[in-house]
């Protein structure tokens, strides 16, 4: 069986749209259960780890950077609690 490398080309608009969806999901989850902010932030940070791994494997460098920025923001929120 032959393996084929997947190549993904993401435009700036696509990266912005993906990050917007991820950011809105994070905000929605945090608003849904304000008593569990710490746990929700930790779960979102873990989920972003998986997204980052996938983006790295796809060599989607612009998406990787955008996800890293969001992950860093979540980490800062976690530290502030």
PDB file of N, CA and C in Angstrom:
ATOM      1  N   UNK A   1       0.834  -1.171   0.000  1.00  0.00           N
ATOM      2  CA  UNK A   1       0.000   0.000   0.000  1.00  0.00           C
ATOM      3  C   UNK A   1       0.885   1.243   0.000  1.00  0.00           C
ATOM      4  N   UNK A   2       0.562   2.161  -0.844  1.00  0.00           N
ATOM      5  CA  UNK A   2       1.344   3.383  -0.971  1.00  0.00           C
ATOM      6  C   UNK A   2       0.684   4.503  -0.169  1.00  0.00           C
ATOM      7  N   UNK A   3       1.491   5.259   0.553  1.00  0.00           N
ATOM      8  CA  UNK A   3       0.943   6.400   1.290  1.00  0.00           C
ATOM      9  C   UNK A   3       1.097   7.660   0.457  1.00  0.00           C
ATOM     10  N   UNK A   4       0.144   8.534   0.624  1.00  0.00           N
ATOM     11  CA  UNK A   4       0.139   9.795  -0.105  1.00  0.00           C
ATOM     12  C   UNK A   4       0.175  10.930   0.905  1.00  0.00           C
ATOM     13  N   UNK A   5       1.079  11.855   0.687  1.00  0.00           N
ATOM     14  CA  UNK A   5       1.180  13.000   1.583  1.00  0.00           C
ATOM     15  C   UNK A   5       0.053  13.979   1.272  1.00  0.00           C
ATOM     16  N   UNK A   6      -0.629  14.415   2.318  1.00  0.00           N
ATOM     17  CA  UNK A   6      -1.705  15.390   2.166  1.00  0.00           C
ATOM     18  C   UNK A   6      -1.099  16.780   2.224  1.00  0.00           C
ATOM     19  N   UNK A   7      -1.428  17.596   1.257  1.00  0.00           N
ATOM     20  CA  UNK A   7      -0.936  18.967   1.246  1.00  0.00           C
ATOM     21  C   UNK A   7      -2.135  19.893   1.348  1.00  0.00           C
ATOM     22  N   UNK A   8      -2.091  20.781   2.323  1.00  0.00           N
ATOM     23  CA  UNK A   8      -3.183  21.710   2.559  1.00  0.00           C
ATOM     24  C   UNK A   8      -2.667  23.122   2.342  1.00  0.00           C
ATOM     25  N   UNK A   9      -3.398  23.870   1.564  1.00  0.00           N
ATOM     26  CA  UNK A   9      -3.066  25.273   1.364  1.00  0.00           C
ATOM     27  C   UNK A   9      -4.209  26.089   1.958  1.00  0.00           C
ATOM     28  N   UNK A  10      -3.897  26.849   2.987  1.00  0.00           N
ATOM     29  CA  UNK A  10      -4.906  27.673   3.636  1.00  0.00           C
ATOM     30  C   UNK A  10      -4.646  29.134   3.328  1.00  0.00           C
ATOM     31  N   UNK A  11      -5.680  29.807   2.908  1.00  0.00           N
ATOM     32  CA  UNK A  11      -5.565  31.242   2.676  1.00  0.00           C
ATOM     33  C   UNK A  11      -5.652  31.968   4.010  1.00  0.00           C
ATOM     34  N   UNK A  12      -5.273  33.219   4.019  1.00  0.00           N
ATOM     35  CA  UNK A  12      -5.395  34.033   5.232  1.00  0.00           C
ATOM     36  C   UNK A  12      -6.853  34.080   5.692  1.00  0.00           C
ATOM     37  N   UNK A  13      -7.776  34.169   4.738  1.00  0.00           N
ATOM     38  CA  UNK A  13      -9.198  34.213   5.080  1.00  0.00           C
ATOM     39  C   UNK A  13      -9.646  32.908   5.736  1.00  0.00           C
ATOM     40  N   UNK A  14      -9.151  31.774   5.233  1.00  0.00           N
ATOM     41  CA  UNK A  14      -9.511  30.484   5.814  1.00  0.00           C
ATOM     42  C   UNK A  14      -8.962  30.347   7.227  1.00  0.00           C
ATOM     43  N   UNK A  15      -7.723  30.774   7.423  1.00  0.00           N
ATOM     44  CA  UNK A  15      -7.121  30.719   8.761  1.00  0.00           C
ATOM     45  C   UNK A  15      -7.920  31.599   9.715  1.00  0.00           C
ATOM     46  N   UNK A  16      -8.292  32.791   9.271  1.00  0.00           N
ATOM     47  CA  UNK A  16      -9.072  33.702  10.111  1.00  0.00           C
ATOM     48  C   UNK A  16     -10.429  33.097  10.449  1.00  0.00           C
ATOM     49  N   UNK A  17     -11.048  32.448   9.487  1.00  0.00           N
ATOM     50  CA  UNK A  17     -12.354  31.832   9.717  1.00  0.00           C
ATOM     51  C   UNK A  17     -12.251  30.661  10.698  1.00  0.00           C
ATOM     52  N   UNK A  18     -11.232  29.848  10.549  1.00  0.00           N
ATOM     53  CA  UNK A  18     -11.027  28.719  11.460  1.00  0.00           C
ATOM     54  C   UNK A  18     -10.776  29.225  12.872  1.00  0.00           C
ATOM     55  N   UNK A  19      -9.889  30.195  13.013  1.00  0.00           N
ATOM     56  CA  UNK A  19      -9.587  30.719  14.343  1.00  0.00           C
ATOM     57  C   UNK A  19     -10.798  31.405  14.951  1.00  0.00           C
ATOM     58  N   UNK A  20     -11.585  32.092  14.144  1.00  0.00           N
ATOM     59  CA  UNK A  20     -12.797  32.738  14.642  1.00  0.00           C
ATOM     60  C   UNK A  20     -13.750  31.694  15.208  1.00  0.00           C
ATOM     61  N   UNK A  21     -13.914  30.582  14.507  1.00  0.00           N
ATOM     62  CA  UNK A  21     -14.791  29.508  14.985  1.00  0.00           C
ATOM     63  C   UNK A  21     -14.265  28.913  16.294  1.00  0.00           C
ATOM     64  N   UNK A  22     -12.961  28.718  16.384  1.00  0.00           N
ATOM     65  CA  UNK A  22     -12.359  28.156  17.600  1.00  0.00           C
ATOM     66  C   UNK A  22     -12.522  29.126  18.769  1.00  0.00           C
ATOM     67  N   UNK A  23     -12.283  30.407  18.529  1.00  0.00           N
ATOM     68  CA  UNK A  23     -12.412  31.422  19.574  1.00  0.00           C
ATOM     69  C   UNK A  23     -13.852  31.530  20.059  1.00  0.00           C
ATOM     70  N   UNK A  24     -14.801  31.521  19.131  1.00  0.00           N
ATOM     71  CA  UNK A  24     -16.206  31.599  19.515  1.00  0.00           C
ATOM     72  C   UNK A  24     -16.634  30.362  20.307  1.00  0.00           C
ATOM     73  N   UNK A  25     -16.113  29.204  19.931  1.00  0.00           N
ATOM     74  CA  UNK A  25     -16.431  27.989  20.683  1.00  0.00           C
ATOM     75  C   UNK A  25     -15.893  28.092  22.098  1.00  0.00           C
ATOM     76  N   UNK A  26     -14.677  28.586  22.246  1.00  0.00           N
ATOM     77  CA  UNK A  26     -14.101  28.763  23.588  1.00  0.00           C
ATOM     78  C   UNK A  26     -14.965  29.705  24.413  1.00  0.00           C
ATOM     79  N   UNK A  27     -15.352  30.829  23.844  1.00  0.00           N
ATOM     80  CA  UNK A  27     -16.180  31.807  24.565  1.00  0.00           C
ATOM     81  C   UNK A  27     -17.540  31.220  24.931  1.00  0.00           C
ATOM     82  N   UNK A  28     -18.144  30.479  24.001  1.00  0.00           N
ATOM     83  CA  UNK A  28     -19.448  29.877  24.264  1.00  0.00           C
ATOM     84  C   UNK A  28     -19.366  28.857  25.403  1.00  0.00           C
ATOM     85  N   UNK A  29     -18.325  28.038  25.392  1.00  0.00           N
ATOM     86  CA  UNK A  29     -18.165  27.042  26.455  1.00  0.00           C
ATOM     87  C   UNK A  29     -17.932  27.699  27.808  1.00  0.00           C
ATOM     88  N   UNK A  30     -17.162  28.772  27.826  1.00  0.00           N
ATOM     89  CA  UNK A  30     -16.916  29.479  29.084  1.00  0.00           C
ATOM     90  C   UNK A  30     -18.183  30.135  29.607  1.00  0.00           C
ATOM     91  N   UNK A  31     -18.999  30.683  28.738  1.00  0.00           N
ATOM     92  CA  UNK A  31     -20.237  31.345  29.148  1.00  0.00           C
ATOM     93  C   UNK A  31     -21.284  30.340  29.624  1.00  0.00           C
ATOM     94  N   UNK A  32     -21.216  29.130  29.104  1.00  0.00           N
ATOM     95  CA  UNK A  32     -22.215  28.117  29.449  1.00  0.00           C
ATOM     96  C   UNK A  32     -22.115  27.675  30.906  1.00  0.00           C
ATOM     97  N   UNK A  33     -20.918  27.611  31.450  1.00  0.00           N
ATOM     98  CA  UNK A  33     -20.739  27.141  32.826  1.00  0.00           C
ATOM     99  C   UNK A  33     -19.722  28.016  33.552  1.00  0.00           C
ATOM    100  N   UNK A  34     -20.152  29.209  34.002  1.00  0.00           N
ATOM    101  CA  UNK A  34     -19.205  30.135  34.632  1.00  0.00           C
ATOM    102  C   UNK A  34     -18.590  29.609  35.934  1.00  0.00           C
ATOM    103  N   UNK A  35     -19.213  28.611  36.552  1.00  0.00           N
ATOM    104  CA  UNK A  35     -18.669  28.057  37.789  1.00  0.00           C
ATOM    105  C   UNK A  35     -17.513  27.093  37.532  1.00  0.00           C
ATOM    106  N   UNK A  36     -17.333  26.684  36.298  1.00  0.00           N
ATOM    107  CA  UNK A  36     -16.280  25.716  35.965  1.00  0.00           C
ATOM    108  C   UNK A  36     -15.290  26.319  34.977  1.00  0.00           C
ATOM    109  N   UNK A  37     -14.939  27.580  35.171  1.00  0.00           N
ATOM    110  CA  UNK A  37     -14.055  28.265  34.227  1.00  0.00           C
ATOM    111  C   UNK A  37     -12.700  27.566  34.125  1.00  0.00           C
ATOM    112  N   UNK A  38     -12.117  27.215  35.248  1.00  0.00           N
ATOM    113  CA  UNK A  38     -10.791  26.589  35.243  1.00  0.00           C
ATOM    114  C   UNK A  38     -10.815  25.283  34.444  1.00  0.00           C
ATOM    115  N   UNK A  39     -11.784  24.423  34.731  1.00  0.00           N
ATOM    116  CA  UNK A  39     -11.872  23.128  34.043  1.00  0.00           C
ATOM    117  C   UNK A  39     -12.128  23.324  32.549  1.00  0.00           C
ATOM    118  N   UNK A  40     -12.974  24.280  32.214  1.00  0.00           N
ATOM    119  CA  UNK A  40     -13.272  24.546  30.805  1.00  0.00           C
ATOM    120  C   UNK A  40     -12.039  25.053  30.074  1.00  0.00           C
ATOM    121  N   UNK A  41     -11.300  25.968  30.704  1.00  0.00           N
ATOM    122  CA  UNK A  41     -10.069  26.470  30.090  1.00  0.00           C
ATOM    123  C   UNK A  41      -9.061  25.352  29.875  1.00  0.00           C
ATOM    124  N   UNK A  42      -8.926  24.474  30.857  1.00  0.00           N
ATOM    125  CA  UNK A  42      -7.994  23.344  30.728  1.00  0.00           C
ATOM    126  C   UNK A  42      -8.415  22.414  29.588  1.00  0.00           C
ATOM    127  N   UNK A  43      -9.726  22.151  29.475  1.00  0.00           N
ATOM    128  CA  UNK A  43     -10.216  21.287  28.403  1.00  0.00           C
ATOM    129  C   UNK A  43      -9.981  21.917  27.037  1.00  0.00           C
ATOM    130  N   UNK A  44     -10.248  23.218  26.913  1.00  0.00           N
ATOM    131  CA  UNK A  44     -10.028  23.899  25.645  1.00  0.00           C
ATOM    132  C   UNK A  44      -8.542  23.903  25.284  1.00  0.00           C
ATOM    133  N   UNK A  45      -7.690  24.111  26.286  1.00  0.00           N
ATOM    134  CA  UNK A  45      -6.241  24.114  26.054  1.00  0.00           C
ATOM    135  C   UNK A  45      -5.785  22.744  25.562  1.00  0.00           C
ATOM    136  N   UNK A  46      -6.335  21.687  26.155  1.00  0.00           N
ATOM    137  CA  UNK A  46      -6.003  20.327  25.718  1.00  0.00           C
ATOM    138  C   UNK A  46      -6.505  20.075  24.294  1.00  0.00           C
ATOM    139  N   UNK A  47      -7.712  20.536  23.983  1.00  0.00           N
ATOM    140  CA  UNK A  47      -8.260  20.367  22.637  1.00  0.00           C
ATOM    141  C   UNK A  47      -7.401  21.100  21.610  1.00  0.00           C
ATOM    142  N   UNK A  48      -6.924  22.278  21.972  1.00  0.00           N
ATOM    143  CA  UNK A  48      -6.062  23.033  21.061  1.00  0.00           C
ATOM    144  C   UNK A  48      -4.749  22.297  20.811  1.00  0.00           C
ATOM    145  N   UNK A  49      -4.293  21.540  21.789  1.00  0.00           N
ATOM    146  CA  UNK A  49      -3.082  20.743  21.599  1.00  0.00           C
ATOM    147  C   UNK A  49      -3.253  19.761  20.451  1.00  0.00           C
ATOM    148  N   UNK A  50      -4.421  19.122  20.383  1.00  0.00           N
ATOM    149  CA  UNK A  50      -4.706  18.204  19.287  1.00  0.00           C
ATOM    150  C   UNK A  50      -4.812  18.919  17.952  1.00  0.00           C
ATOM    151  N   UNK A  51      -5.447  20.089  17.972  1.00  0.00           N
ATOM    152  CA  UNK A  51      -5.571  20.878  16.743  1.00  0.00           C
ATOM    153  C   UNK A  51      -4.196  21.332  16.257  1.00  0.00           C
ATOM    154  N   UNK A  52      -3.347  21.711  17.199  1.00  0.00           N
ATOM    155  CA  UNK A  52      -1.984  22.130  16.845  1.00  0.00           C
ATOM    156  C   UNK A  52      -1.200  20.983  16.226  1.00  0.00           C
ATOM    157  N   UNK A  53      -1.337  19.809  16.795  1.00  0.00           N
ATOM    158  CA  UNK A  53      -0.624  18.640  16.257  1.00  0.00           C
ATOM    159  C   UNK A  53      -1.068  18.353  14.830  1.00  0.00           C
ATOM    160  N   UNK A  54      -2.364  18.403  14.583  1.00  0.00           N
ATOM    161  CA  UNK A  54      -2.875  18.174  13.235  1.00  0.00           C
ATOM    162  C   UNK A  54      -2.373  19.249  12.270  1.00  0.00           C
ATOM    163  N   UNK A  55      -2.433  20.509  12.684  1.00  0.00           N
ATOM    164  CA  UNK A  55      -1.974  21.603  11.823  1.00  0.00           C
ATOM    165  C   UNK A  55      -0.488  21.457  11.510  1.00  0.00           C
ATOM    166  N   UNK A  56       0.303  21.020  12.491  1.00  0.00           N
ATOM    167  CA  UNK A  56       1.743  20.814  12.259  1.00  0.00           C
ATOM    168  C   UNK A  56       1.978  19.689  11.259  1.00  0.00           C
ATOM    169  N   UNK A  57       1.241  18.604  11.407  1.00  0.00           N
ATOM    170  CA  UNK A  57       1.405  17.469  10.485  1.00  0.00           C
ATOM    171  C   UNK A  57       0.997  17.831   9.068  1.00  0.00           C
ATOM    172  N   UNK A  58       0.059  18.771   8.939  1.00  0.00           N
ATOM    173  CA  UNK A  58      -0.384  19.221   7.620  1.00  0.00           C
ATOM    174  C   UNK A  58       0.477  20.360   7.079  1.00  0.00           C
ATOM    175  N   UNK A  59       1.475  20.758   7.857  1.00  0.00           N
ATOM    176  CA  UNK A  59       2.351  21.876   7.486  1.00  0.00           C
ATOM    177  C   UNK A  59       1.571  23.158   7.209  1.00  0.00           C
ATOM    178  N   UNK A  60       0.529  23.371   7.985  1.00  0.00           N
ATOM    179  CA  UNK A  60      -0.291  24.580   7.860  1.00  0.00           C
ATOM    180  C   UNK A  60       0.272  25.630   8.826  1.00  0.00           C
ATOM    181  N   UNK A  61       1.392  26.220   8.438  1.00  0.00           N
ATOM    182  CA  UNK A  61       2.155  27.092   9.335  1.00  0.00           C
ATOM    183  C   UNK A  61       1.367  28.299   9.837  1.00  0.00           C
ATOM    184  N   UNK A  62       0.567  28.902   8.976  1.00  0.00           N
ATOM    185  CA  UNK A  62      -0.219  30.063   9.414  1.00  0.00           C
ATOM    186  C   UNK A  62      -1.241  29.658  10.463  1.00  0.00           C
ATOM    187  N   UNK A  63      -1.852  28.492  10.280  1.00  0.00           N
ATOM    188  CA  UNK A  63      -2.823  28.004  11.249  1.00  0.00           C
ATOM    189  C   UNK A  63      -2.125  27.627  12.544  1.00  0.00           C
ATOM    190  N   UNK A  64      -0.958  27.030  12.456  1.00  0.00           N
ATOM    191  CA  UNK A  64      -0.191  26.673  13.658  1.00  0.00           C
ATOM    192  C   UNK A  64       0.050  27.922  14.503  1.00  0.00           C
ATOM    193  N   UNK A  65       0.513  28.976  13.868  1.00  0.00           N
ATOM    194  CA  UNK A  65       0.823  30.210  14.607  1.00  0.00           C
ATOM    195  C   UNK A  65      -0.431  30.786  15.251  1.00  0.00           C
ATOM    196  N   UNK A  66      -1.539  30.802  14.509  1.00  0.00           N
ATOM    197  CA  UNK A  66      -2.788  31.333  15.056  1.00  0.00           C
ATOM    198  C   UNK A  66      -3.272  30.493  16.238  1.00  0.00           C
ATOM    199  N   UNK A  67      -3.161  29.180  16.132  1.00  0.00           N
ATOM    200  CA  UNK A  67      -3.563  28.300  17.233  1.00  0.00           C
ATOM    201  C   UNK A  67      -2.650  28.479  18.437  1.00  0.00           C
ATOM    202  N   UNK A  68      -1.358  28.669  18.195  1.00  0.00           N
ATOM    203  CA  UNK A  68      -0.420  28.898  19.303  1.00  0.00           C
ATOM    204  C   UNK A  68      -0.774  30.176  20.057  1.00  0.00           C
ATOM    205  N   UNK A  69      -1.151  31.212  19.339  1.00  0.00           N
ATOM    206  CA  UNK A  69      -1.535  32.476  19.983  1.00  0.00           C
ATOM    207  C   UNK A  69      -2.771  32.256  20.857  1.00  0.00           C
ATOM    208  N   UNK A  70      -3.766  31.535  20.334  1.00  0.00           N
ATOM    209  CA  UNK A  70      -4.973  31.276  21.120  1.00  0.00           C
ATOM    210  C   UNK A  70      -4.655  30.391  22.327  1.00  0.00           C
ATOM    211  N   UNK A  71      -3.826  29.390  22.124  1.00  0.00           N
ATOM    212  CA  UNK A  71      -3.441  28.512  23.233  1.00  0.00           C
ATOM    213  C   UNK A  71      -2.693  29.293  24.321  1.00  0.00           C
ATOM    214  N   UNK A  72      -1.827  30.211  23.898  1.00  0.00           N
ATOM    215  CA  UNK A  72      -1.112  31.040  24.866  1.00  0.00           C
ATOM    216  C   UNK A  72      -2.079  31.924  25.661  1.00  0.00           C
ATOM    217  N   UNK A  73      -3.092  32.454  24.975  1.00  0.00           N
ATOM    218  CA  UNK A  73      -4.085  33.288  25.652  1.00  0.00           C
ATOM    219  C   UNK A  73      -4.857  32.464  26.688  1.00  0.00           C
ATOM    220  N   UNK A  74      -5.204  31.230  26.327  1.00  0.00           N
ATOM    221  CA  UNK A  74      -5.890  30.366  27.283  1.00  0.00           C
ATOM    222  C   UNK A  74      -4.984  30.033  28.468  1.00  0.00           C
ATOM    223  N   UNK A  75      -3.715  29.791  28.197  1.00  0.00           N
ATOM    224  CA  UNK A  75      -2.767  29.492  29.278  1.00  0.00           C
ATOM    225  C   UNK A  75      -2.642  30.673  30.235  1.00  0.00           C
ATOM    226  N   UNK A  76      -2.615  31.878  29.686  1.00  0.00           N
ATOM    227  CA  UNK A  76      -2.557  33.071  30.539  1.00  0.00           C
ATOM    228  C   UNK A  76      -3.815  33.206  31.404  1.00  0.00           C
ATOM    229  N   UNK A  77      -4.958  32.893  30.822  1.00  0.00           N
ATOM    230  CA  UNK A  77      -6.211  32.934  31.597  1.00  0.00           C
ATOM    231  C   UNK A  77      -6.170  31.899  32.723  1.00  0.00           C
ATOM    232  N   UNK A  78      -5.637  30.719  32.432  1.00  0.00           N
ATOM    233  CA  UNK A  78      -5.545  29.666  33.443  1.00  0.00           C
ATOM    234  C   UNK A  78      -4.623  30.124  34.583  1.00  0.00           C
ATOM    235  N   UNK A  79      -3.490  30.715  34.231  1.00  0.00           N
ATOM    236  CA  UNK A  79      -2.545  31.178  35.245  1.00  0.00           C
ATOM    237  C   UNK A  79      -3.129  32.285  36.099  1.00  0.00           C
ATOM    238  N   UNK A  80      -4.000  33.098  35.514  1.00  0.00           N
ATOM    239  CA  UNK A  80      -4.587  34.213  36.248  1.00  0.00           C
ATOM    240  C   UNK A  80      -5.608  33.768  37.282  1.00  0.00           C
ATOM    241  N   UNK A  81      -6.107  32.544  37.161  1.00  0.00           N
ATOM    242  CA  UNK A  81      -7.119  32.062  38.115  1.00  0.00           C
ATOM    243  C   UNK A  81      -6.512  31.650  39.429  1.00  0.00           C
TER     244      UNK A  81
END
